[in-house]
Amino acid sequence: MTSSAIAVSGLRKAYGDKAVLDGIDFEVAAGSVFSLLGPNGAGKTTTVNILTTLLTADAGTVRVAGHDLATATKQVRAAIGVTGQFAAVDDLLSGRENLQLMADLKRVRSGGQVVGGLLERFDLVESADKLASTYSGGMRRKLDLAMTLVGSPQIIFLDEPTTGLDPRSRRTMWSIVRELVAEGTTIFLTTQYLEEADQLADRIAVLDGGRLVAQGTSDELKRQIPGTHVRLRFTDAGELDAATRLLDGALRDDEELTLRVPSDGESKSLRALLDRLDEHTINAQEFSVHTPDLDDVFLALTGRTSEEAIAK
């Protein structure tokens, strides 16, 4: 059984009469990516701030890297790294100096060697001695994450790490996250990009109004939402007509010569559908299974699209 890097039970936080977190429970497996999704104001950053010891919970228990958050704060802080929504680099220092400062603060042995290795890993060698103020947004993000890695934390919290980055820089960050997980690091990710959670997360939790409204893998969440269907394409209108008569509830597209057949997408259902066509000597040129995407899941669970949630 995989050990838990983070275990949260009954977590609550309120400001006055407003409950920001209303008793949430979840676990994060060691060496995995866990993504927390939710509209603006759902409580994502509050959750991160509590788990990283920056904020005190009103109730509940939390264990991070095996340590009780309330009684072993120092040990928790030694085990984690945090990258926030805005790069926390010092513009008056060079990239190398920013990294060296972190190494000095964390009293890392062979600090110069560690700094050199991180500059290479994040492709910052050529710009290492330039002021951070001259870095592009993508370079600043890479430097910020490199600074977080000084001291080799077991668990890294990434709070919307790719906000404002261009697609190329975002994908570079994704590659770095995958490398970290492959090395055994645990990643706790909040993001406003559903594609990012879909690409990276082993498990996803959707937070809305201070409560977790769903948890699971990306595929598990998608299967909860109506809309999964099998798409059948035929070579001629005659085959399409015959299939339409046979399959109740199917939606046809005469221009594309296709049928959309509601399905749960599981192998047993697919086999039954294809066997039924075969029994009536109806041949589909091709078929494919289509499931709702995470945006459909987000809309169904929160009543808002991801774009609306970000705008509010």
C-alpha atoms as a PDB file:
ATOM      1  CA  MET A   1       0.000   0.000   0.000  1.00  0.00           C
ATOM      2  CA  THR A   2       1.308   3.441  -0.963  1.00  0.00           C
ATOM      3  CA  SER A   3       2.049   5.664   2.039  1.00  0.00           C
ATOM      4  CA  SER A   4       0.376   9.045   2.413  1.00  0.00           C
ATOM      5  CA  ALA A   5       2.507  12.141   2.028  1.00  0.00           C
ATOM      6  CA  ILE A   6      -0.413  14.287   3.183  1.00  0.00           C
ATOM      7  CA  ALA A   7      -3.463  13.185   5.204  1.00  0.00           C
ATOM      8  CA  VAL A   8      -6.230  15.692   5.952  1.00  0.00           C
ATOM      9  CA  SER A   9      -9.316  15.021   8.072  1.00  0.00           C
ATOM     10  CA  GLY A  10     -12.146  17.377   9.023  1.00  0.00           C
ATOM     11  CA  LEU A  11     -10.230  20.517   8.051  1.00  0.00           C
ATOM     12  CA  ARG A  12     -12.136  23.696   8.873  1.00  0.00           C
ATOM     13  CA  LYS A  13     -11.381  27.393   8.571  1.00  0.00           C
ATOM     14  CA  ALA A  14     -13.772  30.310   8.964  1.00  0.00           C
ATOM     15  CA  TYR A  15     -13.520  34.077   8.944  1.00  0.00           C
ATOM     16  CA  GLY A  16     -16.333  35.378  11.107  1.00  0.00           C
ATOM     17  CA  ASP A  17     -19.530  33.704   9.931  1.00  0.00           C
ATOM     18  CA  LYS A  18     -18.050  32.659   6.585  1.00  0.00           C
ATOM     19  CA  ALA A  19     -16.764  29.079   6.442  1.00  0.00           C
ATOM     20  CA  VAL A  20     -13.918  29.021   3.913  1.00  0.00           C
ATOM     21  CA  LEU A  21     -13.225  25.310   4.510  1.00  0.00           C
ATOM     22  CA  ASP A  22     -16.149  23.314   5.836  1.00  0.00           C
ATOM     23  CA  GLY A  23     -14.686  20.003   7.011  1.00  0.00           C
ATOM     24  CA  ILE A  24     -12.672  18.590   4.082  1.00  0.00           C
ATOM     25  CA  ASP A  25     -10.935  15.195   3.953  1.00  0.00           C
ATOM     26  CA  PHE A  26      -8.357  13.893   1.492  1.00  0.00           C
ATOM     27  CA  GLU A  27      -5.090  11.992   1.206  1.00  0.00           C
ATOM     28  CA  VAL A  28      -2.147  12.475  -1.124  1.00  0.00           C
ATOM     29  CA  ALA A  29      -0.081   9.405  -1.984  1.00  0.00           C
ATOM     30  CA  ALA A  30       3.684   9.758  -1.742  1.00  0.00           C
ATOM     31  CA  GLY A  31       5.380  10.235  -5.093  1.00  0.00           C
ATOM     32  CA  SER A  32       2.215  11.412  -6.863  1.00  0.00           C
ATOM     33  CA  VAL A  33       0.666  14.611  -8.220  1.00  0.00           C
ATOM     34  CA  PHE A  34      -2.504  15.712  -6.418  1.00  0.00           C
ATOM     35  CA  SER A  35      -4.400  18.592  -7.992  1.00  0.00           C
ATOM     36  CA  LEU A  36      -6.905  20.791  -6.166  1.00  0.00           C
ATOM     37  CA  LEU A  37      -9.369  22.457  -8.540  1.00  0.00           C
ATOM     38  CA  GLY A  38     -12.055  24.988  -7.758  1.00  0.00           C
ATOM     39  CA  PRO A  39     -13.510  28.385  -8.620  1.00  0.00           C
ATOM     40  CA  ASN A  40     -11.867  31.543  -7.324  1.00  0.00           C
ATOM     41  CA  GLY A  41     -12.781  31.886  -3.661  1.00  0.00           C
ATOM     42  CA  ALA A  42     -13.377  28.146  -3.229  1.00  0.00           C
ATOM     43  CA  GLY A  43     -10.666  27.854  -0.558  1.00  0.00           C
ATOM     44  CA  LYS A  44      -7.727  26.477  -2.570  1.00  0.00           C
ATOM     45  CA  THR A  45      -5.124  28.998  -1.383  1.00  0.00           C
ATOM     46  CA  THR A  46      -6.449  28.785   2.182  1.00  0.00           C
ATOM     47  CA  THR A  47      -5.894  25.022   2.033  1.00  0.00           C
ATOM     48  CA  VAL A  48      -2.332  25.481   0.761  1.00  0.00           C
ATOM     49  CA  ASN A  49      -1.600  28.114   3.415  1.00  0.00           C
ATOM     50  CA  ILE A  50      -2.754  25.759   6.181  1.00  0.00           C
ATOM     51  CA  LEU A  51      -0.830  22.760   4.850  1.00  0.00           C
ATOM     52  CA  THR A  52       2.343  24.845   4.539  1.00  0.00           C
ATOM     53  CA  THR A  53       2.046  26.184   8.141  1.00  0.00           C
ATOM     54  CA  LEU A  54       1.300  29.771   7.045  1.00  0.00           C
ATOM     55  CA  LEU A  55      -2.212  29.676   8.490  1.00  0.00           C
ATOM     56  CA  THR A  56      -3.766  27.899  11.485  1.00  0.00           C
ATOM     57  CA  ALA A  57      -6.854  25.748  10.991  1.00  0.00           C
ATOM     58  CA  ASP A  58      -9.880  26.103  13.267  1.00  0.00           C
ATOM     59  CA  ALA A  59     -10.446  22.339  13.430  1.00  0.00           C
ATOM     60  CA  GLY A  60      -9.313  19.074  11.911  1.00  0.00           C
ATOM     61  CA  THR A  61      -6.126  17.054  11.778  1.00  0.00           C
ATOM     62  CA  VAL A  62      -3.349  17.238   9.195  1.00  0.00           C
ATOM     63  CA  ARG A  63      -0.254  15.096   8.763  1.00  0.00           C
ATOM     64  CA  VAL A  64       2.410  16.201   6.289  1.00  0.00           C
ATOM     65  CA  ALA A  65       5.378  13.914   5.546  1.00  0.00           C
ATOM     66  CA  GLY A  66       4.330  11.842   8.551  1.00  0.00           C
ATOM     67  CA  HIS A  67       4.384  14.805  10.957  1.00  0.00           C
ATOM     68  CA  ASP A  68       1.429  16.298  12.805  1.00  0.00           C
ATOM     69  CA  LEU A  69       0.972  19.828  11.511  1.00  0.00           C
ATOM     70  CA  ALA A  70      -0.064  21.230  14.900  1.00  0.00           C
ATOM     71  CA  THR A  71       2.680  19.700  17.053  1.00  0.00           C
ATOM     72  CA  ALA A  72       5.615  19.260  14.637  1.00  0.00           C
ATOM     73  CA  THR A  73       5.570  22.470  12.613  1.00  0.00           C
ATOM     74  CA  LYS A  74       9.354  22.668  12.361  1.00  0.00           C
ATOM     75  CA  GLN A  75       9.622  19.152  10.925  1.00  0.00           C
ATOM     76  CA  VAL A  76       6.844  19.866   8.414  1.00  0.00           C
ATOM     77  CA  ARG A  77       8.607  23.008   7.216  1.00  0.00           C
ATOM     78  CA  ALA A  78      11.855  21.064   6.764  1.00  0.00           C
ATOM     79  CA  ALA A  79      10.069  18.531   4.534  1.00  0.00           C
ATOM     80  CA  ILE A  80       8.262  20.903   2.152  1.00  0.00           C
ATOM     81  CA  GLY A  81       8.900  23.475  -0.548  1.00  0.00           C
ATOM     82  CA  VAL A  82       6.435  26.096  -1.763  1.00  0.00           C
ATOM     83  CA  THR A  83       6.088  27.927  -5.060  1.00  0.00           C
ATOM     84  CA  GLY A  84       3.307  30.518  -5.060  1.00  0.00           C
ATOM     85  CA  GLN A  85       1.337  32.254  -7.781  1.00  0.00           C
ATOM     86  CA  PHE A  86       3.995  34.943  -8.116  1.00  0.00           C
ATOM     87  CA  ALA A  87       7.687  34.200  -8.460  1.00  0.00           C
ATOM     88  CA  ALA A  88       9.412  35.019  -5.161  1.00  0.00           C
ATOM     89  CA  VAL A  89      12.772  35.979  -6.641  1.00  0.00           C
ATOM     90  CA  ASP A  90      14.902  38.969  -5.658  1.00  0.00           C
ATOM     91  CA  ASP A  91      15.232  41.220  -8.712  1.00  0.00           C
ATOM     92  CA  LEU A  92      18.379  42.854  -7.296  1.00  0.00           C
ATOM     93  CA  LEU A  93      20.234  39.536  -7.343  1.00  0.00           C
ATOM     94  CA  SER A  94      21.330  37.345 -10.231  1.00  0.00           C
ATOM     95  CA  GLY A  95      19.845  33.919 -10.759  1.00  0.00           C
ATOM     96  CA  ARG A  96      22.909  32.300  -9.214  1.00  0.00           C
ATOM     97  CA  GLU A  97      22.815  34.656  -6.219  1.00  0.00           C
ATOM     98  CA  ASN A  98      19.119  33.902  -5.616  1.00  0.00           C
ATOM     99  CA  LEU A  99      19.887  30.197  -5.502  1.00  0.00           C
ATOM    100  CA  GLN A 100      22.978  30.683  -3.352  1.00  0.00           C
ATOM    101  CA  LEU A 101      20.948  32.765  -0.883  1.00  0.00           C
ATOM    102  CA  MET A 102      18.474  29.891  -0.504  1.00  0.00           C
ATOM    103  CA  ALA A 103      21.323  27.413  -0.060  1.00  0.00           C
ATOM    104  CA  ASP A 104      22.830  29.613   2.665  1.00  0.00           C
ATOM    105  CA  LEU A 105      19.494  30.069   4.439  1.00  0.00           C
ATOM    106  CA  LYS A 106      18.886  26.316   4.439  1.00  0.00           C
ATOM    107  CA  ARG A 107      22.509  25.615   5.379  1.00  0.00           C
ATOM    108  CA  VAL A 108      22.902  23.212   2.484  1.00  0.00           C
ATOM    109  CA  ARG A 109      26.222  21.412   2.331  1.00  0.00           C
ATOM    110  CA  SER A 110      28.197  21.905  -0.898  1.00  0.00           C
ATOM    111  CA  GLY A 111      25.879  24.812  -1.704  1.00  0.00           C
ATOM    112  CA  GLY A 112      27.864  25.893  -4.763  1.00  0.00           C
ATOM    113  CA  GLN A 113      27.616  22.426  -6.266  1.00  0.00           C
ATOM    114  CA  VAL A 114      23.868  22.280  -5.592  1.00  0.00           C
ATOM    115  CA  VAL A 115      23.379  25.718  -7.183  1.00  0.00           C
ATOM    116  CA  GLY A 116      25.357  24.711 -10.271  1.00  0.00           C
ATOM    117  CA  GLY A 117      23.311  21.543 -10.660  1.00  0.00           C
ATOM    118  CA  LEU A 118      20.023  23.418 -10.434  1.00  0.00           C
ATOM    119  CA  LEU A 119      21.134  26.033 -12.970  1.00  0.00           C
ATOM    120  CA  GLU A 120      21.912  23.225 -15.395  1.00  0.00           C
ATOM    121  CA  ARG A 121      18.706  21.350 -14.721  1.00  0.00           C
ATOM    122  CA  PHE A 122      16.542  24.395 -15.367  1.00  0.00           C
ATOM    123  CA  ASP A 123      18.559  25.564 -18.393  1.00  0.00           C
ATOM    124  CA  LEU A 124      19.592  28.797 -16.664  1.00  0.00           C
ATOM    125  CA  VAL A 125      23.387  28.500 -17.000  1.00  0.00           C
ATOM    126  CA  GLU A 126      23.731  31.195 -19.698  1.00  0.00           C
ATOM    127  CA  SER A 127      21.657  33.689 -17.718  1.00  0.00           C
ATOM    128  CA  ALA A 128      22.936  32.643 -14.278  1.00  0.00           C
ATOM    129  CA  ASP A 129      24.890  35.847 -13.660  1.00  0.00           C
ATOM    130  CA  LYS A 130      22.300  38.241 -15.079  1.00  0.00           C
ATOM    131  CA  LEU A 131      19.963  40.121 -12.756  1.00  0.00           C
ATOM    132  CA  ALA A 132      16.647  38.327 -12.184  1.00  0.00           C
ATOM    133  CA  SER A 133      14.915  41.578 -13.176  1.00  0.00           C
ATOM    134  CA  THR A 134      15.982  40.885 -16.772  1.00  0.00           C
ATOM    135  CA  TYR A 135      14.409  37.390 -16.836  1.00  0.00           C
ATOM    136  CA  SER A 136      11.281  36.561 -18.830  1.00  0.00           C
ATOM    137  CA  GLY A 137       8.197  35.278 -17.036  1.00  0.00           C
ATOM    138  CA  GLY A 138       9.055  31.686 -17.898  1.00  0.00           C
ATOM    139  CA  MET A 139      12.650  32.082 -16.680  1.00  0.00           C
ATOM    140  CA  ARG A 140      11.476  33.643 -13.410  1.00  0.00           C
ATOM    141  CA  ARG A 141       9.121  30.712 -12.842  1.00  0.00           C
ATOM    142  CA  LYS A 142      11.912  28.233 -13.481  1.00  0.00           C
ATOM    143  CA  LEU A 143      14.212  30.101 -11.109  1.00  0.00           C
ATOM    144  CA  ASP A 144      11.481  30.213  -8.460  1.00  0.00           C
ATOM    145  CA  LEU A 145      10.947  26.453  -8.697  1.00  0.00           C
ATOM    146  CA  ALA A 146      14.715  25.853  -8.663  1.00  0.00           C
ATOM    147  CA  MET A 147      14.913  27.884  -5.434  1.00  0.00           C
ATOM    148  CA  THR A 148      12.132  25.720  -3.996  1.00  0.00           C
ATOM    149  CA  LEU A 149      14.188  22.598  -4.744  1.00  0.00           C
ATOM    150  CA  VAL A 150      17.191  23.761  -2.718  1.00  0.00           C
ATOM    151  CA  GLY A 151      17.374  21.318   0.159  1.00  0.00           C
ATOM    152  CA  SER A 152      15.521  18.547  -1.752  1.00  0.00           C
ATOM    153  CA  PRO A 153      12.052  18.801  -0.140  1.00  0.00           C
ATOM    154  CA  GLN A 154       9.922  15.634  -0.036  1.00  0.00           C
ATOM    155  CA  ILE A 155       6.727  17.519  -0.868  1.00  0.00           C
ATOM    156  CA  ILE A 156       6.364  20.554  -3.117  1.00  0.00           C
ATOM    157  CA  PHE A 157       3.305  22.814  -3.108  1.00  0.00           C
ATOM    158  CA  LEU A 158       2.718  24.526  -6.451  1.00  0.00           C
ATOM    159  CA  ASP A 159      -0.001  27.175  -6.116  1.00  0.00           C
ATOM    160  CA  GLU A 160      -1.020  28.038  -9.699  1.00  0.00           C
ATOM    161  CA  PRO A 161       2.614  27.812 -10.882  1.00  0.00           C
ATOM    162  CA  THR A 162       1.982  28.475 -14.584  1.00  0.00           C
ATOM    163  CA  THR A 163      -0.416  31.420 -14.332  1.00  0.00           C
ATOM    164  CA  GLY A 164       0.476  33.978 -16.984  1.00  0.00           C
ATOM    165  CA  LEU A 165       2.999  31.783 -18.795  1.00  0.00           C
ATOM    166  CA  ASP A 166       2.977  31.229 -22.549  1.00  0.00           C
ATOM    167  CA  PRO A 167       2.144  27.677 -23.726  1.00  0.00           C
ATOM    168  CA  ARG A 168       5.795  26.757 -24.350  1.00  0.00           C
ATOM    169  CA  SER A 169       6.913  27.833 -20.861  1.00  0.00           C
ATOM    170  CA  ARG A 170       3.919  26.038 -19.340  1.00  0.00           C
ATOM    171  CA  ARG A 171       4.873  22.777 -21.046  1.00  0.00           C
ATOM    172  CA  THR A 172       8.463  23.180 -19.862  1.00  0.00           C
ATOM    173  CA  MET A 173       7.156  23.420 -16.310  1.00  0.00           C
ATOM    174  CA  TRP A 174       5.034  20.303 -16.883  1.00  0.00           C
ATOM    175  CA  SER A 175       8.152  18.399 -17.959  1.00  0.00           C
ATOM    176  CA  ILE A 176       9.984  19.488 -14.810  1.00  0.00           C
ATOM    177  CA  VAL A 177       7.042  18.394 -12.626  1.00  0.00           C
ATOM    178  CA  ARG A 178       7.020  14.962 -14.293  1.00  0.00           C
ATOM    179  CA  GLU A 179      10.768  14.606 -13.692  1.00  0.00           C
ATOM    180  CA  LEU A 180      10.361  15.479 -10.017  1.00  0.00           C
ATOM    181  CA  VAL A 181       7.604  12.910  -9.538  1.00  0.00           C
ATOM    182  CA  ALA A 182       9.672  10.271 -11.343  1.00  0.00           C
ATOM    183  CA  GLU A 183      12.362  10.902  -8.712  1.00  0.00           C
ATOM    184  CA  GLY A 184       9.855  10.302  -5.898  1.00  0.00           C
ATOM    185  CA  THR A 185       8.821  13.880  -5.042  1.00  0.00           C
ATOM    186  CA  THR A 186       5.187  14.496  -4.092  1.00  0.00           C
ATOM    187  CA  ILE A 187       3.478  17.436  -5.797  1.00  0.00           C
ATOM    188  CA  PHE A 188       0.428  19.274  -4.433  1.00  0.00           C
ATOM    189  CA  LEU A 189      -0.857  21.402  -7.318  1.00  0.00           C
ATOM    190  CA  THR A 190      -3.543  24.052  -7.502  1.00  0.00           C
ATOM    191  CA  THR A 191      -4.301  25.321 -10.973  1.00  0.00           C
ATOM    192  CA  GLN A 192      -6.835  27.283 -12.970  1.00  0.00           C
ATOM    193  CA  TYR A 193      -5.950  25.317 -16.112  1.00  0.00           C
ATOM    194  CA  LEU A 194      -8.016  22.144 -16.380  1.00  0.00           C
ATOM    195  CA  GLU A 195      -5.706  20.823 -19.087  1.00  0.00           C
ATOM    196  CA  GLU A 196      -2.846  21.110 -16.608  1.00  0.00           C
ATOM    197  CA  ALA A 197      -4.631  18.937 -14.039  1.00  0.00           C
ATOM    198  CA  ASP A 198      -5.629  16.499 -16.789  1.00  0.00           C
ATOM    199  CA  GLN A 199      -2.023  16.203 -17.980  1.00  0.00           C
ATOM    200  CA  LEU A 200      -0.254  15.997 -14.632  1.00  0.00           C
ATOM    201  CA  ALA A 201      -2.478  14.833 -11.790  1.00  0.00           C
ATOM    202  CA  ASP A 202      -2.750  11.263 -10.536  1.00  0.00           C
ATOM    203  CA  ARG A 203      -5.749  12.354  -8.476  1.00  0.00           C
ATOM    204  CA  ILE A 204      -7.943  15.437  -8.590  1.00  0.00           C
ATOM    205  CA  ALA A 205     -10.197  16.967  -5.941  1.00  0.00           C
ATOM    206  CA  VAL A 206     -12.790  19.620  -6.796  1.00  0.00           C
ATOM    207  CA  LEU A 207     -13.344  22.224  -4.079  1.00  0.00           C
ATOM    208  CA  ASP A 208     -16.435  24.433  -4.176  1.00  0.00           C
ATOM    209  CA  GLY A 209     -17.859  26.589  -1.429  1.00  0.00           C
ATOM    210  CA  GLY A 210     -15.411  25.185   1.094  1.00  0.00           C
ATOM    211  CA  ARG A 211     -16.396  21.569   0.464  1.00  0.00           C
ATOM    212  CA  LEU A 212     -14.897  18.821  -1.673  1.00  0.00           C
ATOM    213  CA  VAL A 213     -17.617  17.952  -4.184  1.00  0.00           C
ATOM    214  CA  ALA A 214     -15.659  15.204  -5.976  1.00  0.00           C
ATOM    215  CA  GLN A 215     -12.393  13.272  -5.835  1.00  0.00           C
ATOM    216  CA  GLY A 216     -10.797  10.742  -8.147  1.00  0.00           C
ATOM    217  CA  THR A 217      -8.605  10.273 -11.184  1.00  0.00           C
ATOM    218  CA  SER A 218      -9.321  12.409 -14.225  1.00  0.00           C
ATOM    219  CA  ASP A 219     -10.995   9.453 -15.954  1.00  0.00           C
ATOM    220  CA  GLU A 220     -13.091   8.620 -12.880  1.00  0.00           C
ATOM    221  CA  LEU A 221     -14.376  12.184 -12.665  1.00  0.00           C
ATOM    222  CA  LYS A 222     -15.215  12.262 -16.369  1.00  0.00           C
ATOM    223  CA  ARG A 223     -17.193   9.018 -16.096  1.00  0.00           C
ATOM    224  CA  GLN A 224     -19.397  10.603 -13.408  1.00  0.00           C
ATOM    225  CA  ILE A 225     -20.728  13.096 -15.928  1.00  0.00           C
ATOM    226  CA  PRO A 226     -23.403  12.189 -18.512  1.00  0.00           C
ATOM    227  CA  GLY A 227     -22.276  12.583 -22.097  1.00  0.00           C
ATOM    228  CA  THR A 228     -20.013   9.612 -22.741  1.00  0.00           C
ATOM    229  CA  HIS A 229     -20.865   8.159 -26.146  1.00  0.00           C
ATOM    230  CA  VAL A 230     -19.631   5.904 -28.924  1.00  0.00           C
ATOM    231  CA  ARG A 231     -19.200   7.551 -32.308  1.00  0.00           C
ATOM    232  CA  LEU A 232     -19.805   5.281 -35.279  1.00  0.00           C
ATOM    233  CA  ARG A 233     -18.865   6.276 -38.828  1.00  0.00           C
ATOM    234  CA  PHE A 234     -20.379   4.524 -41.868  1.00  0.00           C
ATOM    235  CA  THR A 235     -19.372   4.342 -45.523  1.00  0.00           C
ATOM    236  CA  ASP A 236     -22.823   5.128 -46.988  1.00  0.00           C
ATOM    237  CA  ALA A 237     -26.271   6.446 -46.093  1.00  0.00           C
ATOM    238  CA  GLY A 238     -27.845   2.983 -46.305  1.00  0.00           C
ATOM    239  CA  GLU A 239     -25.668   1.635 -43.490  1.00  0.00           C
ATOM    240  CA  LEU A 240     -26.356   4.790 -41.476  1.00  0.00           C
ATOM    241  CA  ASP A 241     -30.137   4.381 -41.945  1.00  0.00           C
ATOM    242  CA  ALA A 242     -30.025   0.748 -40.862  1.00  0.00           C
ATOM    243  CA  ALA A 243     -27.971   1.528 -37.770  1.00  0.00           C
ATOM    244  CA  THR A 244     -30.258   4.422 -36.839  1.00  0.00           C
ATOM    245  CA  ARG A 245     -33.311   2.121 -36.932  1.00  0.00           C
ATOM    246  CA  LEU A 246     -31.501  -0.451 -34.823  1.00  0.00           C
ATOM    247  CA  LEU A 247     -30.037   1.799 -32.139  1.00  0.00           C
ATOM    248  CA  ASP A 248     -32.642   3.736 -30.144  1.00  0.00           C
ATOM    249  CA  GLY A 249     -31.576   7.126 -28.837  1.00  0.00           C
ATOM    250  CA  ALA A 250     -28.687   7.522 -31.275  1.00  0.00           C
ATOM    251  CA  LEU A 251     -28.061  10.944 -32.802  1.00  0.00           C
ATOM    252  CA  ARG A 252     -27.217  10.945 -36.506  1.00  0.00           C
ATOM    253  CA  ASP A 253     -25.178  13.333 -38.607  1.00  0.00           C
ATOM    254  CA  ASP A 254     -26.030  12.851 -42.291  1.00  0.00           C
ATOM    255  CA  GLU A 255     -23.190  15.055 -43.504  1.00  0.00           C
ATOM    256  CA  GLU A 256     -20.535  13.112 -41.564  1.00  0.00           C
ATOM    257  CA  LEU A 257     -22.372   9.758 -41.879  1.00  0.00           C
ATOM    258  CA  THR A 258     -21.982   9.240 -38.128  1.00  0.00           C
ATOM    259  CA  LEU A 259     -24.082   8.132 -35.174  1.00  0.00           C
ATOM    260  CA  ARG A 260     -23.592   9.136 -31.548  1.00  0.00           C
ATOM    261  CA  VAL A 261     -24.699   6.275 -29.287  1.00  0.00           C
ATOM    262  CA  PRO A 262     -24.974   6.935 -25.522  1.00  0.00           C
ATOM    263  CA  SER A 263     -22.666   4.548 -23.624  1.00  0.00           C
ATOM    264  CA  ASP A 264     -20.677   4.163 -20.421  1.00  0.00           C
ATOM    265  CA  GLY A 265     -17.601   3.540 -22.586  1.00  0.00           C
ATOM    266  CA  GLU A 266     -16.704   0.255 -20.856  1.00  0.00           C
ATOM    267  CA  SER A 267     -15.475  -2.752 -22.846  1.00  0.00           C
ATOM    268  CA  LYS A 268     -18.529  -4.901 -22.078  1.00  0.00           C
ATOM    269  CA  SER A 269     -20.890  -2.257 -23.478  1.00  0.00           C
ATOM    270  CA  LEU A 270     -18.712  -1.716 -26.561  1.00  0.00           C
ATOM    271  CA  ARG A 271     -18.621  -5.434 -27.275  1.00  0.00           C
ATOM    272  CA  ALA A 272     -22.420  -5.689 -26.979  1.00  0.00           C
ATOM    273  CA  LEU A 273     -22.897  -2.737 -29.344  1.00  0.00           C
ATOM    274  CA  LEU A 274     -20.557  -4.104 -32.009  1.00  0.00           C
ATOM    275  CA  ASP A 275     -22.051  -7.602 -31.701  1.00  0.00           C
ATOM    276  CA  ARG A 276     -25.508  -6.150 -32.265  1.00  0.00           C
ATOM    277  CA  LEU A 277     -24.382  -4.397 -35.428  1.00  0.00           C
ATOM    278  CA  ASP A 278     -22.727  -7.605 -36.617  1.00  0.00           C
ATOM    279  CA  GLU A 279     -25.897  -9.638 -36.026  1.00  0.00           C
ATOM    280  CA  HIS A 280     -27.712  -7.343 -38.471  1.00  0.00           C
ATOM    281  CA  THR A 281     -24.765  -7.332 -40.922  1.00  0.00           C
ATOM    282  CA  ILE A 282     -24.218  -3.610 -40.389  1.00  0.00           C
ATOM    283  CA  ASN A 283     -20.596  -2.581 -40.736  1.00  0.00           C
ATOM    284  CA  ALA A 284     -19.190   0.566 -39.089  1.00  0.00           C
ATOM    285  CA  GLN A 285     -16.138   1.874 -40.912  1.00  0.00           C
ATOM    286  CA  GLU A 286     -14.727   3.144 -37.617  1.00  0.00           C
ATOM    287  CA  PHE A 287     -15.743   3.759 -34.035  1.00  0.00           C
ATOM    288  CA  SER A 288     -14.385   5.803 -31.146  1.00  0.00           C
ATOM    289  CA  VAL A 289     -15.330   6.468 -27.535  1.00  0.00           C
ATOM    290  CA  HIS A 290     -15.816  10.084 -26.488  1.00  0.00           C
ATOM    291  CA  THR A 291     -15.971  11.147 -22.841  1.00  0.00           C
ATOM    292  CA  PRO A 292     -16.681  14.550 -21.276  1.00  0.00           C
ATOM    293  CA  ASP A 293     -13.578  16.614 -20.600  1.00  0.00           C
ATOM    294  CA  LEU A 294     -12.622  18.167 -17.267  1.00  0.00           C
ATOM    295  CA  ASP A 295     -14.365  21.401 -18.207  1.00  0.00           C
ATOM    296  CA  ASP A 296     -17.634  19.436 -18.465  1.00  0.00           C
ATOM    297  CA  VAL A 297     -16.903  17.932 -15.050  1.00  0.00           C
ATOM    298  CA  PHE A 298     -16.127  21.356 -13.590  1.00  0.00           C
ATOM    299  CA  LEU A 299     -19.378  22.819 -14.974  1.00  0.00           C
ATOM    300  CA  ALA A 300     -21.478  19.905 -13.712  1.00  0.00           C
ATOM    301  CA  LEU A 301     -19.985  20.028 -10.213  1.00  0.00           C
ATOM    302  CA  THR A 302     -19.735  23.780  -9.632  1.00  0.00           C
ATOM    303  CA  GLY A 303     -22.363  25.203 -11.983  1.00  0.00           C
ATOM    304  CA  ARG A 304     -19.705  27.317 -13.704  1.00  0.00           C
ATOM    305  CA  THR A 305     -17.273  26.859 -16.548  1.00  0.00           C
ATOM    306  CA  SER A 306     -13.602  27.186 -15.697  1.00  0.00           C
ATOM    307  CA  GLU A 307     -13.485  30.563 -17.499  1.00  0.00           C
ATOM    308  CA  GLU A 308     -16.397  31.896 -15.426  1.00  0.00           C
ATOM    309  CA  ALA A 309     -14.832  30.564 -12.240  1.00  0.00           C
ATOM    310  CA  ILE A 310     -11.520  32.316 -12.981  1.00  0.00           C
ATOM    311  CA  ALA A 311     -13.236  35.605 -13.838  1.00  0.00           C
ATOM    312  CA  LYS A 312     -15.137  35.809 -10.550  1.00  0.00           C
END
